[in-house]
Amino acid sequence: MISKKFITLILNEKQKIKILVSNKKKSILWSGEGHIVFEENGKKIKLFSSSFIGPVIEDFLDALVFGVEGRINLHESINQDVGYLYNQFWQKRGEFVTIENAWIGASYLVFDSSENDTWIYNESDQIVIEVTPAYRWHFLDECDRMEYPEEYSDFVEYDEFIKDYKPILKTYINKSTAKKWIRILKKAQKKIVTKGQYFTISETPKE
């Protein structure tokens, strides 16, 4: 479902993804601000918030297309939860398969925020959307934390964070629903060509 303000992707009667693409009734820039939220029974999980919404929608669309085609099965080296391993990778705890110094599992990452990461991959004949907690201080300079304690009042050590680690959400999209989402996103995505150009949000299409 598309309006001038939201793109709404309905998973079931309890779950949906809402993409806020504009606060005004006008076209927004490819590099304009956007927000992506997962809603479940009134509870909201922020998946993404940035001033570059255009390329993120493109990446999301690609992930759905690959998922429908069954092309994003997790790599055989991913033998634990994908979000758990991602945090471990940044802490250099364990052996990881990499391509150009990037962990191979990062190819399944679609959205990220300061608090969580969102993954899309195939499992059996379905498509998984998984949201996992992200450790916010992988690259924190200890000197900065000591010098500006008020800015890091909620800081926790990595060992404490990972001890209580568990996925925030794991849900499944069947391929029929994914195809409907692809149609909706393609209709919304009238023009995304290069930085500085725009895409427009059409009226609600009749599915």
N, C-alpha and C. Protein backbone atom coordinates (compact mmCIF):
# COMPACT_ATOMS: atom_id res chain seq x y z
N MET A 1 0.84 -1.19 0.00
CA MET A 1 0.00 0.00 0.00
C MET A 1 0.89 1.25 0.00
N ILE A 2 0.54 2.21 -0.85
CA ILE A 2 1.36 3.41 -0.98
C ILE A 2 0.49 4.65 -0.78
N SER A 3 0.96 5.59 -0.01
CA SER A 3 0.33 6.90 0.09
C SER A 3 1.42 7.92 -0.15
N LYS A 4 1.08 9.20 -0.05
CA LYS A 4 2.09 10.23 -0.26
C LYS A 4 3.07 10.31 0.91
N LYS A 5 2.76 9.64 2.00
CA LYS A 5 3.60 9.73 3.19
C LYS A 5 4.26 8.41 3.55
N PHE A 6 3.55 7.30 3.33
CA PHE A 6 4.05 6.00 3.75
C PHE A 6 4.04 4.99 2.60
N ILE A 7 4.97 4.07 2.66
CA ILE A 7 4.85 2.81 1.94
C ILE A 7 4.61 1.77 3.02
N THR A 8 3.50 1.05 2.94
CA THR A 8 3.16 0.06 3.96
C THR A 8 3.20 -1.33 3.35
N LEU A 9 3.99 -2.21 3.95
CA LEU A 9 4.14 -3.58 3.50
C LEU A 9 3.54 -4.49 4.57
N ILE A 10 2.41 -5.10 4.27
CA ILE A 10 1.69 -5.90 5.25
C ILE A 10 2.15 -7.36 5.17
N LEU A 11 2.61 -7.86 6.30
CA LEU A 11 3.04 -9.26 6.38
C LEU A 11 1.87 -10.15 6.78
N ASN A 12 1.15 -9.75 7.81
CA ASN A 12 -0.04 -10.44 8.27
C ASN A 12 -0.86 -9.45 9.09
N GLU A 13 -1.92 -9.91 9.72
CA GLU A 13 -2.80 -8.99 10.44
C GLU A 13 -2.12 -8.35 11.65
N LYS A 14 -1.00 -8.90 12.09
CA LYS A 14 -0.31 -8.35 13.27
C LYS A 14 0.99 -7.63 12.92
N GLN A 15 1.58 -7.94 11.78
CA GLN A 15 2.91 -7.44 11.46
C GLN A 15 2.93 -6.69 10.14
N LYS A 16 3.67 -5.57 10.11
CA LYS A 16 3.85 -4.82 8.87
C LYS A 16 5.10 -3.97 8.97
N ILE A 17 5.61 -3.57 7.83
CA ILE A 17 6.74 -2.64 7.76
C ILE A 17 6.23 -1.34 7.16
N LYS A 18 6.55 -0.22 7.80
CA LYS A 18 6.15 1.09 7.28
C LYS A 18 7.40 1.89 6.93
N ILE A 19 7.43 2.42 5.74
CA ILE A 19 8.54 3.26 5.29
C ILE A 19 8.01 4.68 5.16
N LEU A 20 8.46 5.55 6.06
CA LEU A 20 8.08 6.95 6.01
C LEU A 20 9.00 7.64 5.00
N VAL A 21 8.43 8.09 3.90
CA VAL A 21 9.26 8.63 2.83
C VAL A 21 9.18 10.14 2.72
N SER A 22 8.19 10.75 3.34
CA SER A 22 8.10 12.20 3.26
C SER A 22 7.10 12.71 4.28
N ASN A 23 7.41 13.85 4.88
CA ASN A 23 6.47 14.50 5.77
C ASN A 23 5.63 15.53 5.02
N LYS A 24 5.94 15.73 3.75
CA LYS A 24 5.23 16.72 2.95
C LYS A 24 4.70 16.06 1.68
N LYS A 25 3.66 16.64 1.13
CA LYS A 25 3.05 16.07 -0.07
C LYS A 25 3.80 16.54 -1.31
N LYS A 26 4.99 16.04 -1.46
CA LYS A 26 5.79 16.36 -2.64
C LYS A 26 6.82 15.26 -2.85
N SER A 27 7.43 15.26 -4.00
CA SER A 27 8.48 14.29 -4.29
C SER A 27 9.64 14.49 -3.33
N ILE A 28 10.33 13.41 -2.99
CA ILE A 28 11.49 13.54 -2.11
C ILE A 28 12.75 13.16 -2.87
N LEU A 29 13.85 13.69 -2.43
CA LEU A 29 15.12 13.43 -3.09
C LEU A 29 15.57 11.99 -2.86
N TRP A 30 16.31 11.48 -3.83
CA TRP A 30 16.97 10.17 -3.68
C TRP A 30 17.76 10.13 -2.39
N SER A 31 18.34 11.28 -2.03
CA SER A 31 19.11 11.36 -0.80
C SER A 31 18.29 12.01 0.32
N GLY A 32 16.95 11.98 0.17
CA GLY A 32 16.11 12.58 1.19
C GLY A 32 16.00 11.73 2.44
N GLU A 33 15.45 12.31 3.49
CA GLU A 33 15.34 11.61 4.77
C GLU A 33 14.19 10.60 4.74
N GLY A 34 14.42 9.46 5.37
CA GLY A 34 13.38 8.44 5.46
C GLY A 34 13.56 7.59 6.70
N HIS A 35 12.50 6.92 7.09
CA HIS A 35 12.52 6.08 8.29
C HIS A 35 11.80 4.77 7.99
N ILE A 36 12.32 3.67 8.50
CA ILE A 36 11.72 2.35 8.29
C ILE A 36 11.45 1.73 9.65
N VAL A 37 10.21 1.31 9.85
CA VAL A 37 9.76 0.81 11.15
C VAL A 37 9.03 -0.52 10.97
N PHE A 38 9.32 -1.46 11.84
CA PHE A 38 8.56 -2.73 11.89
C PHE A 38 7.52 -2.58 13.00
N GLU A 39 6.27 -2.85 12.67
CA GLU A 39 5.20 -2.74 13.65
C GLU A 39 4.58 -4.12 13.90
N GLU A 40 4.38 -4.42 15.17
CA GLU A 40 3.75 -5.69 15.56
C GLU A 40 2.85 -5.42 16.75
N ASN A 41 1.54 -5.56 16.55
CA ASN A 41 0.56 -5.33 17.62
C ASN A 41 0.76 -3.99 18.30
N GLY A 42 1.03 -2.96 17.51
CA GLY A 42 1.20 -1.62 18.07
C GLY A 42 2.60 -1.31 18.56
N LYS A 43 3.44 -2.35 18.72
CA LYS A 43 4.82 -2.14 19.13
C LYS A 43 5.67 -1.80 17.90
N LYS A 44 6.56 -0.82 18.03
CA LYS A 44 7.37 -0.38 16.90
C LYS A 44 8.85 -0.65 17.15
N ILE A 45 9.51 -1.18 16.13
CA ILE A 45 10.96 -1.38 16.16
C ILE A 45 11.57 -0.57 15.03
N LYS A 46 12.42 0.38 15.36
CA LYS A 46 13.05 1.19 14.33
C LYS A 46 14.14 0.39 13.64
N LEU A 47 14.00 0.23 12.32
CA LEU A 47 14.97 -0.53 11.55
C LEU A 47 16.01 0.36 10.89
N PHE A 48 15.60 1.57 10.53
CA PHE A 48 16.51 2.44 9.78
C PHE A 48 16.02 3.87 9.86
N SER A 49 16.96 4.80 9.92
CA SER A 49 16.63 6.22 9.90
C SER A 49 17.84 6.96 9.35
N SER A 50 17.66 7.61 8.20
CA SER A 50 18.81 8.25 7.55
C SER A 50 18.34 9.25 6.51
N SER A 51 19.27 10.07 6.08
CA SER A 51 18.99 11.04 5.02
C SER A 51 19.25 10.45 3.63
N PHE A 52 19.47 9.14 3.55
CA PHE A 52 19.69 8.49 2.26
C PHE A 52 18.73 7.31 2.12
N ILE A 53 17.45 7.61 1.92
CA ILE A 53 16.44 6.55 1.87
C ILE A 53 16.41 5.85 0.52
N GLY A 54 16.74 6.56 -0.57
CA GLY A 54 16.66 5.98 -1.91
C GLY A 54 17.45 4.71 -2.08
N PRO A 55 18.77 4.72 -1.81
CA PRO A 55 19.56 3.50 -2.00
C PRO A 55 19.16 2.38 -1.05
N VAL A 56 18.62 2.72 0.12
CA VAL A 56 18.19 1.69 1.07
C VAL A 56 16.97 0.95 0.52
N ILE A 57 16.05 1.69 -0.10
CA ILE A 57 14.91 1.04 -0.72
C ILE A 57 15.37 0.14 -1.86
N GLU A 58 16.36 0.59 -2.62
CA GLU A 58 16.92 -0.25 -3.69
C GLU A 58 17.49 -1.55 -3.13
N ASP A 59 18.26 -1.45 -2.04
CA ASP A 59 18.86 -2.64 -1.43
C ASP A 59 17.78 -3.59 -0.91
N PHE A 60 16.75 -3.03 -0.30
CA PHE A 60 15.64 -3.83 0.22
C PHE A 60 14.95 -4.58 -0.91
N LEU A 61 14.70 -3.87 -1.99
CA LEU A 61 14.06 -4.47 -3.15
C LEU A 61 14.91 -5.61 -3.73
N ASP A 62 16.22 -5.38 -3.85
CA ASP A 62 17.12 -6.43 -4.34
C ASP A 62 17.08 -7.67 -3.45
N ALA A 63 17.09 -7.45 -2.13
CA ALA A 63 17.08 -8.57 -1.20
C ALA A 63 15.81 -9.40 -1.35
N LEU A 64 14.68 -8.73 -1.54
CA LEU A 64 13.42 -9.45 -1.73
C LEU A 64 13.42 -10.25 -3.03
N VAL A 65 13.94 -9.64 -4.09
CA VAL A 65 14.02 -10.35 -5.39
C VAL A 65 14.90 -11.59 -5.26
N PHE A 66 16.07 -11.44 -4.63
CA PHE A 66 16.97 -12.58 -4.45
C PHE A 66 16.33 -13.65 -3.57
N GLY A 67 15.57 -13.20 -2.56
CA GLY A 67 14.90 -14.14 -1.67
C GLY A 67 13.85 -14.96 -2.39
N VAL A 68 13.07 -14.31 -3.25
CA VAL A 68 12.06 -15.02 -4.04
C VAL A 68 12.72 -16.05 -4.95
N GLU A 69 13.90 -15.70 -5.45
CA GLU A 69 14.63 -16.62 -6.35
C GLU A 69 15.41 -17.68 -5.58
N GLY A 70 15.40 -17.61 -4.25
CA GLY A 70 16.10 -18.60 -3.44
C GLY A 70 17.61 -18.47 -3.49
N ARG A 71 18.11 -17.25 -3.67
CA ARG A 71 19.55 -17.03 -3.88
C ARG A 71 20.29 -16.53 -2.65
N ILE A 72 19.62 -16.46 -1.50
CA ILE A 72 20.31 -15.89 -0.33
C ILE A 72 20.27 -16.85 0.86
N ASN A 73 20.61 -18.10 0.59
CA ASN A 73 20.81 -19.05 1.70
C ASN A 73 22.06 -18.66 2.46
N LEU A 74 22.01 -18.79 3.77
CA LEU A 74 23.17 -18.43 4.60
C LEU A 74 24.38 -19.27 4.22
N HIS A 75 25.54 -18.62 4.21
CA HIS A 75 26.79 -19.31 3.91
C HIS A 75 27.02 -20.43 4.92
N GLU A 76 27.62 -21.51 4.47
CA GLU A 76 27.81 -22.70 5.32
C GLU A 76 28.62 -22.42 6.58
N SER A 77 29.41 -21.36 6.58
CA SER A 77 30.21 -21.03 7.76
C SER A 77 29.39 -20.37 8.86
N ILE A 78 28.18 -19.95 8.54
CA ILE A 78 27.33 -19.27 9.53
C ILE A 78 26.56 -20.33 10.30
N ASN A 79 27.16 -20.78 11.39
CA ASN A 79 26.59 -21.88 12.16
C ASN A 79 25.99 -21.43 13.48
N GLN A 80 25.89 -20.10 13.68
CA GLN A 80 25.21 -19.53 14.84
C GLN A 80 24.37 -18.37 14.34
N ASP A 81 23.63 -17.75 15.25
CA ASP A 81 22.79 -16.64 14.83
C ASP A 81 23.61 -15.57 14.11
N VAL A 82 23.07 -15.07 13.00
CA VAL A 82 23.82 -14.16 12.13
C VAL A 82 24.17 -12.85 12.86
N GLY A 83 23.26 -12.34 13.67
CA GLY A 83 23.54 -11.11 14.41
C GLY A 83 24.60 -11.31 15.49
N TYR A 84 24.53 -12.45 16.15
CA TYR A 84 25.54 -12.79 17.17
C TYR A 84 26.93 -12.82 16.53
N LEU A 85 27.05 -13.48 15.38
CA LEU A 85 28.35 -13.58 14.72
C LEU A 85 28.84 -12.23 14.23
N TYR A 86 27.92 -11.37 13.81
CA TYR A 86 28.32 -10.05 13.34
C TYR A 86 28.96 -9.25 14.46
N ASN A 87 28.37 -9.29 15.64
CA ASN A 87 28.97 -8.61 16.78
C ASN A 87 30.32 -9.23 17.14
N GLN A 88 30.41 -10.55 17.09
CA GLN A 88 31.67 -11.22 17.39
C GLN A 88 32.75 -10.85 16.37
N PHE A 89 32.35 -10.71 15.13
CA PHE A 89 33.31 -10.34 14.08
C PHE A 89 33.97 -9.00 14.40
N TRP A 90 33.17 -8.02 14.78
CA TRP A 90 33.74 -6.70 15.08
C TRP A 90 34.63 -6.72 16.32
N GLN A 91 34.40 -7.69 17.19
CA GLN A 91 35.25 -7.83 18.37
C GLN A 91 36.45 -8.75 18.12
N LYS A 92 36.53 -9.29 16.89
CA LYS A 92 37.62 -10.19 16.49
C LYS A 92 37.68 -11.43 17.39
N ARG A 93 36.50 -11.98 17.65
CA ARG A 93 36.42 -13.17 18.48
C ARG A 93 35.98 -14.36 17.63
N GLY A 94 36.93 -15.08 17.11
CA GLY A 94 36.63 -16.24 16.30
C GLY A 94 37.23 -16.15 14.92
N GLU A 95 37.00 -17.19 14.13
CA GLU A 95 37.47 -17.24 12.75
C GLU A 95 36.29 -16.98 11.82
N PHE A 96 36.50 -16.11 10.83
CA PHE A 96 35.40 -15.72 9.96
C PHE A 96 35.84 -15.75 8.49
N VAL A 97 34.91 -16.17 7.64
CA VAL A 97 35.14 -16.11 6.20
C VAL A 97 34.92 -14.67 5.75
N THR A 98 35.90 -14.09 5.07
CA THR A 98 35.79 -12.70 4.65
C THR A 98 36.04 -12.55 3.16
N ILE A 99 35.50 -11.48 2.61
CA ILE A 99 35.77 -11.07 1.24
C ILE A 99 36.18 -9.61 1.29
N GLU A 100 37.41 -9.32 0.89
CA GLU A 100 37.96 -7.96 0.95
C GLU A 100 37.80 -7.37 2.35
N ASN A 101 38.14 -8.17 3.35
CA ASN A 101 38.13 -7.79 4.76
C ASN A 101 36.74 -7.61 5.36
N ALA A 102 35.70 -7.88 4.59
CA ALA A 102 34.34 -7.80 5.12
C ALA A 102 33.84 -9.22 5.40
N TRP A 103 33.16 -9.40 6.52
CA TRP A 103 32.60 -10.71 6.86
C TRP A 103 31.56 -11.09 5.83
N ILE A 104 31.57 -12.33 5.39
CA ILE A 104 30.66 -12.77 4.34
C ILE A 104 29.20 -12.66 4.76
N GLY A 105 28.95 -12.75 6.04
CA GLY A 105 27.57 -12.63 6.53
C GLY A 105 26.97 -11.25 6.36
N ALA A 106 27.82 -10.23 6.20
CA ALA A 106 27.32 -8.87 6.04
C ALA A 106 26.52 -8.70 4.75
N SER A 107 26.64 -9.64 3.83
CA SER A 107 25.89 -9.55 2.57
C SER A 107 24.39 -9.74 2.79
N TYR A 108 23.99 -10.26 3.96
CA TYR A 108 22.57 -10.45 4.26
C TYR A 108 22.00 -9.27 5.05
N LEU A 109 22.83 -8.29 5.37
CA LEU A 109 22.41 -7.13 6.15
C LEU A 109 21.71 -6.13 5.23
N VAL A 110 20.47 -5.77 5.56
CA VAL A 110 19.70 -4.85 4.73
C VAL A 110 19.55 -3.48 5.37
N PHE A 111 19.21 -3.43 6.65
CA PHE A 111 19.10 -2.15 7.38
C PHE A 111 19.97 -2.22 8.62
N ASP A 112 20.48 -1.07 9.02
CA ASP A 112 21.14 -1.01 10.32
C ASP A 112 20.85 0.34 10.97
N SER A 113 20.85 0.32 12.28
CA SER A 113 20.69 1.53 13.07
C SER A 113 21.67 1.43 14.23
N SER A 114 21.68 2.42 15.08
CA SER A 114 22.62 2.39 16.21
C SER A 114 22.28 1.28 17.19
N GLU A 115 21.03 0.80 17.15
CA GLU A 115 20.58 -0.16 18.15
C GLU A 115 20.39 -1.57 17.62
N ASN A 116 20.10 -1.71 16.33
CA ASN A 116 19.86 -3.06 15.81
C ASN A 116 20.20 -3.18 14.34
N ASP A 117 20.28 -4.43 13.88
CA ASP A 117 20.56 -4.76 12.48
C ASP A 117 19.42 -5.63 11.96
N THR A 118 19.12 -5.47 10.67
CA THR A 118 18.04 -6.24 10.05
C THR A 118 18.61 -7.06 8.90
N TRP A 119 18.30 -8.35 8.92
CA TRP A 119 18.84 -9.30 7.96
C TRP A 119 17.72 -9.93 7.15
N ILE A 120 18.00 -10.25 5.89
CA ILE A 120 17.07 -11.00 5.06
C ILE A 120 17.84 -12.15 4.42
N TYR A 121 17.30 -13.37 4.57
CA TYR A 121 17.95 -14.54 3.99
C TYR A 121 16.92 -15.65 3.79
N ASN A 122 17.29 -16.65 3.03
CA ASN A 122 16.41 -17.79 2.79
C ASN A 122 16.59 -18.85 3.86
N GLU A 123 15.47 -19.47 4.21
CA GLU A 123 15.50 -20.63 5.12
C GLU A 123 14.40 -21.57 4.65
N SER A 124 14.80 -22.77 4.21
CA SER A 124 13.87 -23.70 3.55
C SER A 124 13.30 -22.99 2.33
N ASP A 125 11.97 -22.93 2.22
CA ASP A 125 11.36 -22.31 1.04
C ASP A 125 10.78 -20.93 1.37
N GLN A 126 11.23 -20.36 2.48
CA GLN A 126 10.70 -19.07 2.89
C GLN A 126 11.81 -18.03 2.98
N ILE A 127 11.39 -16.81 3.19
CA ILE A 127 12.33 -15.70 3.36
C ILE A 127 12.24 -15.24 4.81
N VAL A 128 13.38 -15.10 5.44
CA VAL A 128 13.44 -14.69 6.84
C VAL A 128 13.75 -13.20 6.92
N ILE A 129 13.04 -12.50 7.80
CA ILE A 129 13.46 -11.18 8.25
C ILE A 129 13.83 -11.33 9.72
N GLU A 130 15.07 -11.03 10.04
CA GLU A 130 15.52 -11.14 11.43
C GLU A 130 16.11 -9.80 11.87
N VAL A 131 15.71 -9.37 13.05
CA VAL A 131 16.23 -8.14 13.65
C VAL A 131 17.03 -8.52 14.88
N THR A 132 18.27 -8.05 14.95
CA THR A 132 19.16 -8.44 16.04
C THR A 132 19.77 -7.21 16.71
N PRO A 133 20.09 -7.31 17.99
CA PRO A 133 20.69 -6.17 18.68
C PRO A 133 22.13 -5.92 18.21
N ALA A 134 22.47 -4.65 18.09
CA ALA A 134 23.82 -4.25 17.68
C ALA A 134 24.54 -3.61 18.86
N TYR A 135 25.77 -4.02 19.08
CA TYR A 135 26.58 -3.40 20.13
C TYR A 135 27.04 -2.03 19.62
N ARG A 136 26.75 -1.00 20.36
CA ARG A 136 26.94 0.37 19.88
C ARG A 136 28.35 0.90 20.06
N TRP A 137 29.18 0.17 20.79
CA TRP A 137 30.47 0.76 21.17
C TRP A 137 31.66 -0.07 20.68
N HIS A 138 31.52 -0.73 19.54
CA HIS A 138 32.64 -1.51 19.01
C HIS A 138 33.89 -0.65 18.84
N PHE A 139 33.71 0.59 18.44
CA PHE A 139 34.87 1.43 18.08
C PHE A 139 35.05 2.60 19.05
N LEU A 140 34.47 2.46 20.22
CA LEU A 140 34.58 3.53 21.20
C LEU A 140 36.01 3.64 21.73
N ASP A 141 36.53 4.85 21.73
CA ASP A 141 37.83 5.12 22.33
C ASP A 141 37.65 5.26 23.84
N GLU A 142 38.34 4.43 24.60
CA GLU A 142 38.20 4.43 26.05
C GLU A 142 38.50 5.80 26.64
N CYS A 143 39.43 6.51 26.04
CA CYS A 143 39.77 7.87 26.54
C CYS A 143 38.58 8.81 26.41
N ASP A 144 37.84 8.68 25.29
CA ASP A 144 36.65 9.52 25.11
C ASP A 144 35.60 9.21 26.18
N ARG A 145 35.42 7.93 26.45
CA ARG A 145 34.42 7.55 27.45
C ARG A 145 34.77 8.09 28.82
N MET A 146 36.05 8.08 29.15
CA MET A 146 36.49 8.58 30.45
C MET A 146 36.39 10.10 30.52
N GLU A 147 36.64 10.76 29.38
CA GLU A 147 36.63 12.23 29.35
C GLU A 147 35.22 12.81 29.32
N TYR A 148 34.29 12.07 28.66
CA TYR A 148 32.91 12.57 28.54
C TYR A 148 31.93 11.53 29.07
N PRO A 149 31.98 11.24 30.36
CA PRO A 149 31.15 10.16 30.93
C PRO A 149 29.66 10.39 30.76
N GLU A 150 29.22 11.66 30.73
CA GLU A 150 27.79 11.93 30.60
C GLU A 150 27.26 11.50 29.23
N GLU A 151 28.11 11.46 28.23
CA GLU A 151 27.68 11.06 26.90
C GLU A 151 27.57 9.53 26.77
N TYR A 152 28.18 8.82 27.71
CA TYR A 152 28.19 7.35 27.64
C TYR A 152 27.64 6.74 28.92
N SER A 153 26.62 7.41 29.46
CA SER A 153 26.07 6.96 30.73
C SER A 153 25.40 5.58 30.63
N ASP A 154 24.98 5.20 29.40
CA ASP A 154 24.34 3.90 29.23
C ASP A 154 25.30 2.84 28.71
N PHE A 155 26.58 3.14 28.72
CA PHE A 155 27.60 2.21 28.22
C PHE A 155 27.58 0.89 28.99
N VAL A 156 27.71 -0.22 28.26
CA VAL A 156 27.90 -1.53 28.89
C VAL A 156 29.09 -2.21 28.22
N GLU A 157 29.82 -2.99 28.98
CA GLU A 157 30.94 -3.74 28.42
C GLU A 157 30.42 -4.78 27.43
N TYR A 158 31.24 -5.11 26.45
CA TYR A 158 30.81 -6.06 25.43
C TYR A 158 30.45 -7.42 26.03
N ASP A 159 31.23 -7.90 26.97
CA ASP A 159 30.95 -9.21 27.57
C ASP A 159 29.58 -9.24 28.23
N GLU A 160 29.18 -8.11 28.82
CA GLU A 160 27.86 -8.02 29.45
C GLU A 160 26.77 -8.03 28.39
N PHE A 161 27.01 -7.30 27.30
CA PHE A 161 26.05 -7.24 26.20
C PHE A 161 25.84 -8.62 25.57
N ILE A 162 26.93 -9.31 25.24
CA ILE A 162 26.82 -10.56 24.50
C ILE A 162 26.31 -11.70 25.38
N LYS A 163 26.48 -11.57 26.68
CA LYS A 163 25.99 -12.59 27.61
C LYS A 163 24.47 -12.70 27.53
N ASP A 164 23.80 -11.57 27.36
CA ASP A 164 22.34 -11.54 27.32
C ASP A 164 21.80 -11.46 25.89
N TYR A 165 22.67 -11.70 24.90
CA TYR A 165 22.27 -11.54 23.50
C TYR A 165 21.16 -12.52 23.11
N LYS A 166 20.17 -12.02 22.41
CA LYS A 166 19.17 -12.84 21.73
C LYS A 166 18.52 -11.99 20.65
N PRO A 167 18.09 -12.61 19.55
CA PRO A 167 17.44 -11.84 18.48
C PRO A 167 16.21 -11.09 18.99
N ILE A 168 15.97 -9.92 18.43
CA ILE A 168 14.80 -9.12 18.79
C ILE A 168 13.56 -9.66 18.11
N LEU A 169 13.72 -10.11 16.87
CA LEU A 169 12.58 -10.55 16.08
C LEU A 169 13.06 -11.48 14.98
N LYS A 170 12.31 -12.54 14.74
CA LYS A 170 12.54 -13.39 13.58
C LYS A 170 11.19 -13.80 13.04
N THR A 171 10.91 -13.40 11.80
CA THR A 171 9.63 -13.71 11.20
C THR A 171 9.84 -14.14 9.76
N TYR A 172 8.81 -14.71 9.16
CA TYR A 172 8.95 -15.32 7.83
C TYR A 172 7.99 -14.66 6.82
N ILE A 173 8.49 -14.50 5.60
CA ILE A 173 7.66 -14.01 4.50
C ILE A 173 7.56 -15.14 3.49
N ASN A 174 6.34 -15.49 3.12
CA ASN A 174 6.25 -16.47 2.04
C ASN A 174 6.51 -15.74 0.71
N LYS A 175 6.79 -16.49 -0.31
CA LYS A 175 7.22 -15.87 -1.57
C LYS A 175 6.09 -15.10 -2.25
N SER A 176 4.85 -15.51 -2.01
CA SER A 176 3.71 -14.78 -2.57
C SER A 176 3.63 -13.37 -2.00
N THR A 177 3.81 -13.27 -0.68
CA THR A 177 3.80 -11.96 -0.03
C THR A 177 4.98 -11.13 -0.49
N ALA A 178 6.15 -11.76 -0.59
CA ALA A 178 7.35 -11.04 -1.03
C ALA A 178 7.15 -10.47 -2.44
N LYS A 179 6.51 -11.22 -3.31
CA LYS A 179 6.26 -10.73 -4.67
C LYS A 179 5.34 -9.51 -4.65
N LYS A 180 4.36 -9.53 -3.74
CA LYS A 180 3.47 -8.38 -3.62
C LYS A 180 4.26 -7.15 -3.14
N TRP A 181 5.16 -7.37 -2.16
CA TRP A 181 6.00 -6.27 -1.68
C TRP A 181 6.86 -5.71 -2.80
N ILE A 182 7.39 -6.59 -3.63
CA ILE A 182 8.23 -6.16 -4.76
C ILE A 182 7.43 -5.28 -5.71
N ARG A 183 6.19 -5.67 -5.99
CA ARG A 183 5.35 -4.86 -6.88
C ARG A 183 5.09 -3.48 -6.28
N ILE A 184 4.82 -3.44 -4.99
CA ILE A 184 4.55 -2.16 -4.32
C ILE A 184 5.78 -1.25 -4.36
N LEU A 185 6.95 -1.82 -4.04
CA LEU A 185 8.16 -1.01 -4.03
C LEU A 185 8.52 -0.51 -5.43
N LYS A 186 8.31 -1.34 -6.42
CA LYS A 186 8.62 -0.91 -7.79
C LYS A 186 7.69 0.20 -8.24
N LYS A 187 6.44 0.16 -7.80
CA LYS A 187 5.51 1.22 -8.15
C LYS A 187 5.89 2.53 -7.45
N ALA A 188 6.37 2.41 -6.23
CA ALA A 188 6.78 3.60 -5.49
C ALA A 188 8.07 4.19 -6.05
N GLN A 189 8.88 3.34 -6.60
CA GLN A 189 10.23 3.70 -7.03
C GLN A 189 10.21 4.12 -8.50
N LYS A 190 9.58 5.23 -8.80
CA LYS A 190 9.45 5.64 -10.20
C LYS A 190 10.79 6.05 -10.79
N LYS A 191 11.58 6.77 -10.01
CA LYS A 191 12.87 7.20 -10.53
C LYS A 191 13.91 7.21 -9.41
N ILE A 192 14.87 6.31 -9.51
CA ILE A 192 16.08 6.39 -8.70
C ILE A 192 17.22 6.06 -9.66
N VAL A 193 17.92 7.09 -10.09
CA VAL A 193 18.96 6.87 -11.09
C VAL A 193 20.33 7.22 -10.52
N THR A 194 20.52 8.48 -10.22
CA THR A 194 21.80 8.91 -9.66
C THR A 194 21.54 9.86 -8.51
N LYS A 195 22.53 10.09 -7.70
CA LYS A 195 22.41 10.99 -6.57
C LYS A 195 21.95 12.36 -7.05
N GLY A 196 20.97 12.91 -6.37
CA GLY A 196 20.46 14.21 -6.74
C GLY A 196 19.16 14.13 -7.50
N GLN A 197 18.89 12.98 -8.15
CA GLN A 197 17.59 12.82 -8.80
C GLN A 197 16.61 12.25 -7.78
N TYR A 198 15.37 12.14 -8.17
CA TYR A 198 14.35 11.82 -7.19
C TYR A 198 13.45 10.67 -7.63
N PHE A 199 12.74 10.10 -6.66
CA PHE A 199 11.66 9.21 -7.01
C PHE A 199 10.39 9.80 -6.40
N THR A 200 9.26 9.53 -7.00
CA THR A 200 8.01 10.09 -6.52
C THR A 200 7.13 8.99 -5.93
N ILE A 201 6.28 9.36 -5.03
CA ILE A 201 5.37 8.43 -4.40
C ILE A 201 4.01 8.57 -5.09
N SER A 202 3.56 7.51 -5.71
CA SER A 202 2.30 7.55 -6.45
C SER A 202 1.11 7.44 -5.49
N GLU A 203 -0.05 7.57 -6.05
CA GLU A 203 -1.25 7.31 -5.25
C GLU A 203 -1.33 5.81 -4.96
N THR A 204 -2.17 5.44 -4.01
CA THR A 204 -2.29 4.04 -3.62
C THR A 204 -2.69 3.19 -4.84
N PRO A 205 -1.88 2.22 -5.21
CA PRO A 205 -2.21 1.40 -6.38
C PRO A 205 -3.31 0.39 -6.05
N LYS A 206 -4.04 -0.01 -7.04
CA LYS A 206 -5.04 -1.05 -6.87
C LYS A 206 -4.40 -2.40 -7.14
N GLU A 207 -4.23 -3.17 -6.08
CA GLU A 207 -3.61 -4.50 -6.23
C GLU A 207 -4.65 -5.50 -6.71
